[in-house]
């Protein structure tokens, strides 16, 4: 029996994604997947992405190297800010 999470999912071009209103829910593929939210601020624009991410992927490992051992954190860049949050409960993102 799978213990995979259910996570909210939406892409950056979806205006409902910012507040997680009217977004889809999907079953993650693996038991070691986590839900994530990525807030991307560039200039005055803000976009958000929500989905599942596997802890085995290079993307997850790179983000964890940037934000450390916490499950949330932000990275400043020129004219922008990236903030990431990971969680391990159903629909927590």
PDB file of N, CA and C in Angstrom:
ATOM      1  N   UNK A   1       0.832  -1.182   0.000  1.00  0.00           N
ATOM      2  CA  UNK A   1       0.000   0.000   0.000  1.00  0.00           C
ATOM      3  C   UNK A   1       0.878   1.247   0.000  1.00  0.00           C
ATOM      4  N   UNK A   2       0.552   2.188  -0.850  1.00  0.00           N
ATOM      5  CA  UNK A   2       1.335   3.409  -0.978  1.00  0.00           C
ATOM      6  C   UNK A   2       1.002   4.399   0.135  1.00  0.00           C
ATOM      7  N   UNK A   3       2.029   5.045   0.633  1.00  0.00           N
ATOM      8  CA  UNK A   3       1.850   6.098   1.630  1.00  0.00           C
ATOM      9  C   UNK A   3       2.189   7.460   1.031  1.00  0.00           C
ATOM     10  N   UNK A   4       2.180   7.541  -0.298  1.00  0.00           N
ATOM     11  CA  UNK A   4       2.546   8.783  -0.977  1.00  0.00           C
ATOM     12  C   UNK A   4       1.576   9.905  -0.615  1.00  0.00           C
ATOM     13  N   UNK A   5       2.116  11.099  -0.545  1.00  0.00           N
ATOM     14  CA  UNK A   5       1.332  12.279  -0.183  1.00  0.00           C
ATOM     15  C   UNK A   5       0.407  12.728  -1.301  1.00  0.00           C
ATOM     16  N   UNK A   6      -0.592  13.502  -0.926  1.00  0.00           N
ATOM     17  CA  UNK A   6      -1.388  14.267  -1.875  1.00  0.00           C
ATOM     18  C   UNK A   6      -0.932  15.714  -1.747  1.00  0.00           C
ATOM     19  N   UNK A   7      -0.580  16.328  -2.876  1.00  0.00           N
ATOM     20  CA  UNK A   7      -0.094  17.705  -2.860  1.00  0.00           C
ATOM     21  C   UNK A   7      -0.913  18.576  -3.795  1.00  0.00           C
ATOM     22  N   UNK A   8      -1.025  19.841  -3.432  1.00  0.00           N
ATOM     23  CA  UNK A   8      -1.617  20.812  -4.344  1.00  0.00           C
ATOM     24  C   UNK A   8      -0.656  20.975  -5.514  1.00  0.00           C
ATOM     25  N   UNK A   9      -1.198  21.157  -6.708  1.00  0.00           N
ATOM     26  CA  UNK A   9      -0.343  21.314  -7.872  1.00  0.00           C
ATOM     27  C   UNK A   9      -0.872  22.415  -8.774  1.00  0.00           C
ATOM     28  N   UNK A  10       0.014  23.312  -9.165  1.00  0.00           N
ATOM     29  CA  UNK A  10      -0.307  24.373 -10.114  1.00  0.00           C
ATOM     30  C   UNK A  10       1.009  24.956 -10.620  1.00  0.00           C
ATOM     31  N   UNK A  11       0.949  25.524 -11.802  1.00  0.00           N
ATOM     32  CA  UNK A  11       2.143  26.067 -12.440  1.00  0.00           C
ATOM     33  C   UNK A  11       2.203  27.582 -12.273  1.00  0.00           C
ATOM     34  N   UNK A  12       3.373  28.138 -12.541  1.00  0.00           N
ATOM     35  CA  UNK A  12       3.620  29.556 -12.318  1.00  0.00           C
ATOM     36  C   UNK A  12       2.705  30.472 -13.127  1.00  0.00           C
ATOM     37  N   UNK A  13       2.190  30.019 -14.259  1.00  0.00           N
ATOM     38  CA  UNK A  13       1.350  30.882 -15.089  1.00  0.00           C
ATOM     39  C   UNK A  13      -0.117  30.876 -14.648  1.00  0.00           C
ATOM     40  N   UNK A  14      -0.435  30.182 -13.566  1.00  0.00           N
ATOM     41  CA  UNK A  14      -1.801  30.089 -13.055  1.00  0.00           C
ATOM     42  C   UNK A  14      -1.991  31.127 -11.943  1.00  0.00           C
ATOM     43  N   UNK A  15      -2.825  32.169 -12.166  1.00  0.00           N
ATOM     44  CA  UNK A  15      -2.997  33.201 -11.133  1.00  0.00           C
ATOM     45  C   UNK A  15      -3.605  32.670  -9.833  1.00  0.00           C
ATOM     46  N   UNK A  16      -4.350  31.564  -9.883  1.00  0.00           N
ATOM     47  CA  UNK A  16      -4.928  30.976  -8.670  1.00  0.00           C
ATOM     48  C   UNK A  16      -3.871  30.316  -7.786  1.00  0.00           C
ATOM     49  N   UNK A  17      -2.696  30.090  -8.333  1.00  0.00           N
ATOM     50  CA  UNK A  17      -1.642  29.383  -7.599  1.00  0.00           C
ATOM     51  C   UNK A  17      -1.107  30.211  -6.424  1.00  0.00           C
ATOM     52  N   UNK A  18      -1.132  31.525  -6.556  1.00  0.00           N
ATOM     53  CA  UNK A  18      -0.582  32.385  -5.511  1.00  0.00           C
ATOM     54  C   UNK A  18      -1.214  32.100  -4.152  1.00  0.00           C
ATOM     55  N   UNK A  19      -2.530  32.003  -4.105  1.00  0.00           N
ATOM     56  CA  UNK A  19      -3.236  31.747  -2.843  1.00  0.00           C
ATOM     57  C   UNK A  19      -3.713  30.308  -2.719  1.00  0.00           C
ATOM     58  N   UNK A  20      -3.346  29.470  -3.672  1.00  0.00           N
ATOM     59  CA  UNK A  20      -3.733  28.049  -3.702  1.00  0.00           C
ATOM     60  C   UNK A  20      -5.242  27.872  -3.786  1.00  0.00           C
ATOM     61  N   UNK A  21      -5.910  28.811  -4.438  1.00  0.00           N
ATOM     62  CA  UNK A  21      -7.354  28.704  -4.666  1.00  0.00           C
ATOM     63  C   UNK A  21      -7.608  27.959  -5.970  1.00  0.00           C
ATOM     64  N   UNK A  22      -8.590  27.094  -5.974  1.00  0.00           N
ATOM     65  CA  UNK A  22      -9.001  26.385  -7.197  1.00  0.00           C
ATOM     66  C   UNK A  22      -7.845  25.660  -7.886  1.00  0.00           C
ATOM     67  N   UNK A  23      -6.963  25.050  -7.107  1.00  0.00           N
ATOM     68  CA  UNK A  23      -5.852  24.299  -7.689  1.00  0.00           C
ATOM     69  C   UNK A  23      -6.141  22.805  -7.595  1.00  0.00           C
ATOM     70  N   UNK A  24      -5.484  22.047  -8.437  1.00  0.00           N
ATOM     71  CA  UNK A  24      -5.683  20.600  -8.445  1.00  0.00           C
ATOM     72  C   UNK A  24      -4.894  19.939  -7.319  1.00  0.00           C
ATOM     73  N   UNK A  25      -5.331  18.749  -6.947  1.00  0.00           N
ATOM     74  CA  UNK A  25      -4.632  17.915  -5.962  1.00  0.00           C
ATOM     75  C   UNK A  25      -4.174  16.667  -6.702  1.00  0.00           C
ATOM     76  N   UNK A  26      -2.935  16.259  -6.468  1.00  0.00           N
ATOM     77  CA  UNK A  26      -2.484  15.025  -7.107  1.00  0.00           C
ATOM     78  C   UNK A  26      -1.761  14.142  -6.111  1.00  0.00           C
ATOM     79  N   UNK A  27      -1.833  12.855  -6.369  1.00  0.00           N
ATOM     80  CA  UNK A  27      -1.118  11.857  -5.566  1.00  0.00           C
ATOM     81  C   UNK A  27       0.325  11.831  -6.050  1.00  0.00           C
ATOM     82  N   UNK A  28       1.267  12.016  -5.138  1.00  0.00           N
ATOM     83  CA  UNK A  28       2.678  11.930  -5.505  1.00  0.00           C
ATOM     84  C   UNK A  28       3.000  10.499  -5.923  1.00  0.00           C
ATOM     85  N   UNK A  29       4.059  10.346  -6.687  1.00  0.00           N
ATOM     86  CA  UNK A  29       4.392   9.041  -7.250  1.00  0.00           C
ATOM     87  C   UNK A  29       5.127   8.127  -6.280  1.00  0.00           C
ATOM     88  N   UNK A  30       5.906   8.706  -5.380  1.00  0.00           N
ATOM     89  CA  UNK A  30       6.770   7.897  -4.518  1.00  0.00           C
ATOM     90  C   UNK A  30       6.528   8.209  -3.045  1.00  0.00           C
ATOM     91  N   UNK A  31       6.818   7.242  -2.200  1.00  0.00           N
ATOM     92  CA  UNK A  31       6.655   7.431  -0.760  1.00  0.00           C
ATOM     93  C   UNK A  31       7.620   8.469  -0.190  1.00  0.00           C
ATOM     94  N   UNK A  32       8.737   8.745  -0.883  1.00  0.00           N
ATOM     95  CA  UNK A  32       9.703   9.716  -0.368  1.00  0.00           C
ATOM     96  C   UNK A  32       9.519  11.102  -0.988  1.00  0.00           C
ATOM     97  N   UNK A  33       8.430  11.313  -1.734  1.00  0.00           N
ATOM     98  CA  UNK A  33       8.134  12.638  -2.275  1.00  0.00           C
ATOM     99  C   UNK A  33       7.631  13.547  -1.163  1.00  0.00           C
ATOM    100  N   UNK A  34       7.859  14.834  -1.347  1.00  0.00           N
ATOM    101  CA  UNK A  34       7.357  15.847  -0.423  1.00  0.00           C
ATOM    102  C   UNK A  34       6.578  16.878  -1.220  1.00  0.00           C
ATOM    103  N   UNK A  35       5.689  17.571  -0.564  1.00  0.00           N
ATOM    104  CA  UNK A  35       4.997  18.690  -1.200  1.00  0.00           C
ATOM    105  C   UNK A  35       5.926  19.906  -1.141  1.00  0.00           C
ATOM    106  N   UNK A  36       5.852  20.757  -2.167  1.00  0.00           N
ATOM    107  CA  UNK A  36       6.662  21.968  -2.137  1.00  0.00           C
ATOM    108  C   UNK A  36       5.895  23.151  -2.709  1.00  0.00           C
ATOM    109  N   UNK A  37       6.335  24.327  -2.294  1.00  0.00           N
ATOM    110  CA  UNK A  37       5.860  25.587  -2.840  1.00  0.00           C
ATOM    111  C   UNK A  37       7.091  26.418  -3.169  1.00  0.00           C
ATOM    112  N   UNK A  38       7.100  27.024  -4.351  1.00  0.00           N
ATOM    113  CA  UNK A  38       8.196  27.894  -4.779  1.00  0.00           C
ATOM    114  C   UNK A  38       7.611  29.257  -5.120  1.00  0.00           C
ATOM    115  N   UNK A  39       7.969  30.267  -4.334  1.00  0.00           N
ATOM    116  CA  UNK A  39       7.594  31.648  -4.606  1.00  0.00           C
ATOM    117  C   UNK A  39       8.764  32.306  -5.329  1.00  0.00           C
ATOM    118  N   UNK A  40       8.492  32.883  -6.473  1.00  0.00           N
ATOM    119  CA  UNK A  40       9.519  33.520  -7.296  1.00  0.00           C
ATOM    120  C   UNK A  40       9.139  34.982  -7.475  1.00  0.00           C
ATOM    121  N   UNK A  41       9.934  35.877  -6.896  1.00  0.00           N
ATOM    122  CA  UNK A  41       9.697  37.311  -7.095  1.00  0.00           C
ATOM    123  C   UNK A  41      10.804  37.848  -7.979  1.00  0.00           C
ATOM    124  N   UNK A  42      10.404  38.401  -9.108  1.00  0.00           N
ATOM    125  CA  UNK A  42      11.340  39.040 -10.018  1.00  0.00           C
ATOM    126  C   UNK A  42      10.817  40.443 -10.281  1.00  0.00           C
ATOM    127  N   UNK A  43      11.579  41.452  -9.859  1.00  0.00           N
ATOM    128  CA  UNK A  43      11.091  42.823  -9.976  1.00  0.00           C
ATOM    129  C   UNK A  43       9.823  42.977  -9.166  1.00  0.00           C
ATOM    130  N   UNK A  44       8.754  43.447  -9.805  1.00  0.00           N
ATOM    131  CA  UNK A  44       7.481  43.608  -9.098  1.00  0.00           C
ATOM    132  C   UNK A  44       6.539  42.428  -9.328  1.00  0.00           C
ATOM    133  N   UNK A  45       6.977  41.440 -10.105  1.00  0.00           N
ATOM    134  CA  UNK A  45       6.133  40.280 -10.386  1.00  0.00           C
ATOM    135  C   UNK A  45       6.359  39.141  -9.413  1.00  0.00           C
ATOM    136  N   UNK A  46       5.282  38.451  -9.086  1.00  0.00           N
ATOM    137  CA  UNK A  46       5.358  37.283  -8.197  1.00  0.00           C
ATOM    138  C   UNK A  46       4.686  36.110  -8.893  1.00  0.00           C
ATOM    139  N   UNK A  47       5.356  34.974  -8.874  1.00  0.00           N
ATOM    140  CA  UNK A  47       4.736  33.748  -9.387  1.00  0.00           C
ATOM    141  C   UNK A  47       4.966  32.637  -8.373  1.00  0.00           C
ATOM    142  N   UNK A  48       4.109  31.635  -8.430  1.00  0.00           N
ATOM    143  CA  UNK A  48       4.155  30.535  -7.467  1.00  0.00           C
ATOM    144  C   UNK A  48       3.988  29.228  -8.213  1.00  0.00           C
ATOM    145  N   UNK A  49       4.706  28.215  -7.753  1.00  0.00           N
ATOM    146  CA  UNK A  49       4.525  26.857  -8.268  1.00  0.00           C
ATOM    147  C   UNK A  49       4.346  25.931  -7.076  1.00  0.00           C
ATOM    148  N   UNK A  50       3.414  24.989  -7.190  1.00  0.00           N
ATOM    149  CA  UNK A  50       3.151  24.008  -6.132  1.00  0.00           C
ATOM    150  C   UNK A  50       3.103  22.630  -6.772  1.00  0.00           C
ATOM    151  N   UNK A  51       3.691  21.628  -6.109  1.00  0.00           N
ATOM    152  CA  UNK A  51       3.676  20.275  -6.664  1.00  0.00           C
ATOM    153  C   UNK A  51       4.356  19.317  -5.690  1.00  0.00           C
ATOM    154  N   UNK A  52       4.571  18.082  -6.166  1.00  0.00           N
ATOM    155  CA  UNK A  52       5.364  17.068  -5.463  1.00  0.00           C
ATOM    156  C   UNK A  52       6.810  17.180  -5.941  1.00  0.00           C
ATOM    157  N   UNK A  53       7.740  16.803  -5.092  1.00  0.00           N
ATOM    158  CA  UNK A  53       9.138  16.706  -5.496  1.00  0.00           C
ATOM    159  C   UNK A  53       9.755  15.524  -4.759  1.00  0.00           C
ATOM    160  N   UNK A  54      10.546  14.758  -5.466  1.00  0.00           N
ATOM    161  CA  UNK A  54      11.217  13.612  -4.860  1.00  0.00           C
ATOM    162  C   UNK A  54      12.478  14.070  -4.142  1.00  0.00           C
ATOM    163  N   UNK A  55      12.717  13.520  -2.974  1.00  0.00           N
ATOM    164  CA  UNK A  55      13.933  13.855  -2.231  1.00  0.00           C
ATOM    165  C   UNK A  55      15.176  13.279  -2.894  1.00  0.00           C
ATOM    166  N   UNK A  56      14.996  12.445  -3.909  1.00  0.00           N
ATOM    167  CA  UNK A  56      16.128  11.862  -4.631  1.00  0.00           C
ATOM    168  C   UNK A  56      16.581  12.702  -5.818  1.00  0.00           C
ATOM    169  N   UNK A  57      15.843  13.760  -6.174  1.00  0.00           N
ATOM    170  CA  UNK A  57      16.175  14.530  -7.373  1.00  0.00           C
ATOM    171  C   UNK A  57      17.295  15.528  -7.113  1.00  0.00           C
ATOM    172  N   UNK A  58      17.996  15.869  -8.177  1.00  0.00           N
ATOM    173  CA  UNK A  58      19.058  16.870  -8.099  1.00  0.00           C
ATOM    174  C   UNK A  58      18.489  18.235  -7.713  1.00  0.00           C
ATOM    175  N   UNK A  59      17.290  18.569  -8.196  1.00  0.00           N
ATOM    176  CA  UNK A  59      16.673  19.858  -7.853  1.00  0.00           C
ATOM    177  C   UNK A  59      16.435  19.971  -6.348  1.00  0.00           C
ATOM    178  N   UNK A  60      15.866  18.932  -5.747  1.00  0.00           N
ATOM    179  CA  UNK A  60      15.609  18.949  -4.302  1.00  0.00           C
ATOM    180  C   UNK A  60      16.922  19.106  -3.531  1.00  0.00           C
ATOM    181  N   UNK A  61      17.924  18.343  -3.904  1.00  0.00           N
ATOM    182  CA  UNK A  61      19.208  18.392  -3.198  1.00  0.00           C
ATOM    183  C   UNK A  61      19.870  19.759  -3.335  1.00  0.00           C
ATOM    184  N   UNK A  62      19.769  20.385  -4.523  1.00  0.00           N
ATOM    185  CA  UNK A  62      20.348  21.705  -4.725  1.00  0.00           C
ATOM    186  C   UNK A  62      19.632  22.744  -3.856  1.00  0.00           C
ATOM    187  N   UNK A  63      18.299  22.692  -3.830  1.00  0.00           N
ATOM    188  CA  UNK A  63      17.536  23.639  -3.016  1.00  0.00           C
ATOM    189  C   UNK A  63      17.879  23.461  -1.541  1.00  0.00           C
ATOM    190  N   UNK A  64      17.975  22.223  -1.066  1.00  0.00           N
ATOM    191  CA  UNK A  64      18.320  21.977   0.340  1.00  0.00           C
ATOM    192  C   UNK A  64      19.722  22.487   0.661  1.00  0.00           C
ATOM    193  N   UNK A  65      20.650  22.401  -0.298  1.00  0.00           N
ATOM    194  CA  UNK A  65      21.984  22.971  -0.068  1.00  0.00           C
ATOM    195  C   UNK A  65      21.891  24.486   0.102  1.00  0.00           C
ATOM    196  N   UNK A  66      20.995  25.127  -0.644  1.00  0.00           N
ATOM    197  CA  UNK A  66      20.851  26.576  -0.572  1.00  0.00           C
ATOM    198  C   UNK A  66      20.163  27.033   0.709  1.00  0.00           C
ATOM    199  N   UNK A  67      19.122  26.316   1.139  1.00  0.00           N
ATOM    200  CA  UNK A  67      18.348  26.774   2.307  1.00  0.00           C
ATOM    201  C   UNK A  67      18.751  26.081   3.604  1.00  0.00           C
ATOM    202  N   UNK A  68      19.589  25.064   3.521  1.00  0.00           N
ATOM    203  CA  UNK A  68      20.062  24.394   4.727  1.00  0.00           C
ATOM    204  C   UNK A  68      19.113  23.314   5.215  1.00  0.00           C
ATOM    205  N   UNK A  69      19.184  23.015   6.494  1.00  0.00           N
ATOM    206  CA  UNK A  69      18.435  21.895   7.058  1.00  0.00           C
ATOM    207  C   UNK A  69      16.964  22.212   7.313  1.00  0.00           C
ATOM    208  N   UNK A  70      16.596  23.486   7.267  1.00  0.00           N
ATOM    209  CA  UNK A  70      15.197  23.868   7.491  1.00  0.00           C
ATOM    210  C   UNK A  70      14.342  23.422   6.306  1.00  0.00           C
ATOM    211  N   UNK A  71      13.042  23.408   6.493  1.00  0.00           N
ATOM    212  CA  UNK A  71      12.122  23.061   5.411  1.00  0.00           C
ATOM    213  C   UNK A  71      11.609  24.279   4.666  1.00  0.00           C
ATOM    214  N   UNK A  72      12.128  25.452   4.984  1.00  0.00           N
ATOM    215  CA  UNK A  72      11.765  26.646   4.226  1.00  0.00           C
ATOM    216  C   UNK A  72      12.913  27.637   4.295  1.00  0.00           C
ATOM    217  N   UNK A  73      12.982  28.453   3.267  1.00  0.00           N
ATOM    218  CA  UNK A  73      14.023  29.463   3.229  1.00  0.00           C
ATOM    219  C   UNK A  73      13.985  30.209   1.916  1.00  0.00           C
ATOM    220  N   UNK A  74      14.692  31.337   1.892  1.00  0.00           N
ATOM    221  CA  UNK A  74      14.719  32.185   0.705  1.00  0.00           C
ATOM    222  C   UNK A  74      16.155  32.404   0.251  1.00  0.00           C
ATOM    223  N   UNK A  75      16.295  32.629  -1.044  1.00  0.00           N
ATOM    224  CA  UNK A  75      17.592  32.904  -1.653  1.00  0.00           C
ATOM    225  C   UNK A  75      17.457  34.206  -2.432  1.00  0.00           C
ATOM    226  N   UNK A  76      18.276  35.200  -2.071  1.00  0.00           N
ATOM    227  CA  UNK A  76      18.256  36.474  -2.787  1.00  0.00           C
ATOM    228  C   UNK A  76      19.047  36.338  -4.080  1.00  0.00           C
ATOM    229  N   UNK A  77      18.582  37.045  -5.092  1.00  0.00           N
ATOM    230  CA  UNK A  77      19.327  37.150  -6.342  1.00  0.00           C
ATOM    231  C   UNK A  77      19.130  38.559  -6.878  1.00  0.00           C
ATOM    232  N   UNK A  78      19.884  38.941  -7.897  1.00  0.00           N
ATOM    233  CA  UNK A  78      19.761  40.279  -8.458  1.00  0.00           C
ATOM    234  C   UNK A  78      18.321  40.491  -8.923  1.00  0.00           C
ATOM    235  N   UNK A  79      17.698  41.549  -8.438  1.00  0.00           N
ATOM    236  CA  UNK A  79      16.309  41.908  -8.787  1.00  0.00           C
ATOM    237  C   UNK A  79      15.299  40.817  -8.471  1.00  0.00           C
ATOM    238  N   UNK A  80      15.594  39.968  -7.503  1.00  0.00           N
ATOM    239  CA  UNK A  80      14.617  38.922  -7.226  1.00  0.00           C
ATOM    240  C   UNK A  80      14.863  38.171  -5.942  1.00  0.00           C
ATOM    241  N   UNK A  81      13.950  37.255  -5.682  1.00  0.00           N
ATOM    242  CA  UNK A  81      13.993  36.439  -4.478  1.00  0.00           C
ATOM    243  C   UNK A  81      13.271  35.127  -4.764  1.00  0.00           C
ATOM    244  N   UNK A  82      13.877  34.022  -4.405  1.00  0.00           N
ATOM    245  CA  UNK A  82      13.248  32.705  -4.512  1.00  0.00           C
ATOM    246  C   UNK A  82      13.041  32.178  -3.100  1.00  0.00           C
ATOM    247  N   UNK A  83      11.811  31.776  -2.789  1.00  0.00           N
ATOM    248  CA  UNK A  83      11.507  31.192  -1.486  1.00  0.00           C
ATOM    249  C   UNK A  83      10.910  29.806  -1.687  1.00  0.00           C
ATOM    250  N   UNK A  84      11.384  28.852  -0.905  1.00  0.00           N
ATOM    251  CA  UNK A  84      10.965  27.460  -1.026  1.00  0.00           C
ATOM    252  C   UNK A  84      10.430  26.967   0.308  1.00  0.00           C
ATOM    253  N   UNK A  85       9.395  26.145   0.246  1.00  0.00           N
ATOM    254  CA  UNK A  85       8.862  25.482   1.430  1.00  0.00           C
ATOM    255  C   UNK A  85       8.583  24.027   1.079  1.00  0.00           C
ATOM    256  N   UNK A  86       9.037  23.122   1.928  1.00  0.00           N
ATOM    257  CA  UNK A  86       8.772  21.690   1.778  1.00  0.00           C
ATOM    258  C   UNK A  86       7.949  21.236   2.975  1.00  0.00           C
ATOM    259  N   UNK A  87       7.044  20.287   2.756  1.00  0.00           N
ATOM    260  CA  UNK A  87       6.251  19.765   3.863  1.00  0.00           C
ATOM    261  C   UNK A  87       5.863  18.315   3.580  1.00  0.00           C
ATOM    262  N   UNK A  88       5.499  17.601   4.619  1.00  0.00           N
ATOM    263  CA  UNK A  88       5.253  16.157   4.513  1.00  0.00           C
ATOM    264  C   UNK A  88       3.883  15.741   5.029  1.00  0.00           C
ATOM    265  N   UNK A  89       2.889  16.586   4.823  1.00  0.00           N
ATOM    266  CA  UNK A  89       1.508  16.263   5.170  1.00  0.00           C
ATOM    267  C   UNK A  89       0.646  16.442   3.930  1.00  0.00           C
ATOM    268  N   UNK A  90      -0.437  15.722   3.835  1.00  0.00           N
ATOM    269  CA  UNK A  90      -1.316  15.857   2.683  1.00  0.00           C
ATOM    270  C   UNK A  90      -1.794  17.296   2.508  1.00  0.00           C
ATOM    271  N   UNK A  91      -1.676  17.792   1.294  1.00  0.00           N
ATOM    272  CA  UNK A  91      -2.175  19.119   0.882  1.00  0.00           C
ATOM    273  C   UNK A  91      -1.610  20.251   1.727  1.00  0.00           C
ATOM    274  N   UNK A  92      -0.412  20.089   2.242  1.00  0.00           N
ATOM    275  CA  UNK A  92       0.183  21.083   3.133  1.00  0.00           C
ATOM    276  C   UNK A  92       0.803  22.259   2.388  1.00  0.00           C
ATOM    277  N   UNK A  93       0.889  22.160   1.077  1.00  0.00           N
ATOM    278  CA  UNK A  93       1.532  23.231   0.328  1.00  0.00           C
ATOM    279  C   UNK A  93       0.522  24.175  -0.281  1.00  0.00           C
TER     280      UNK A  93
END
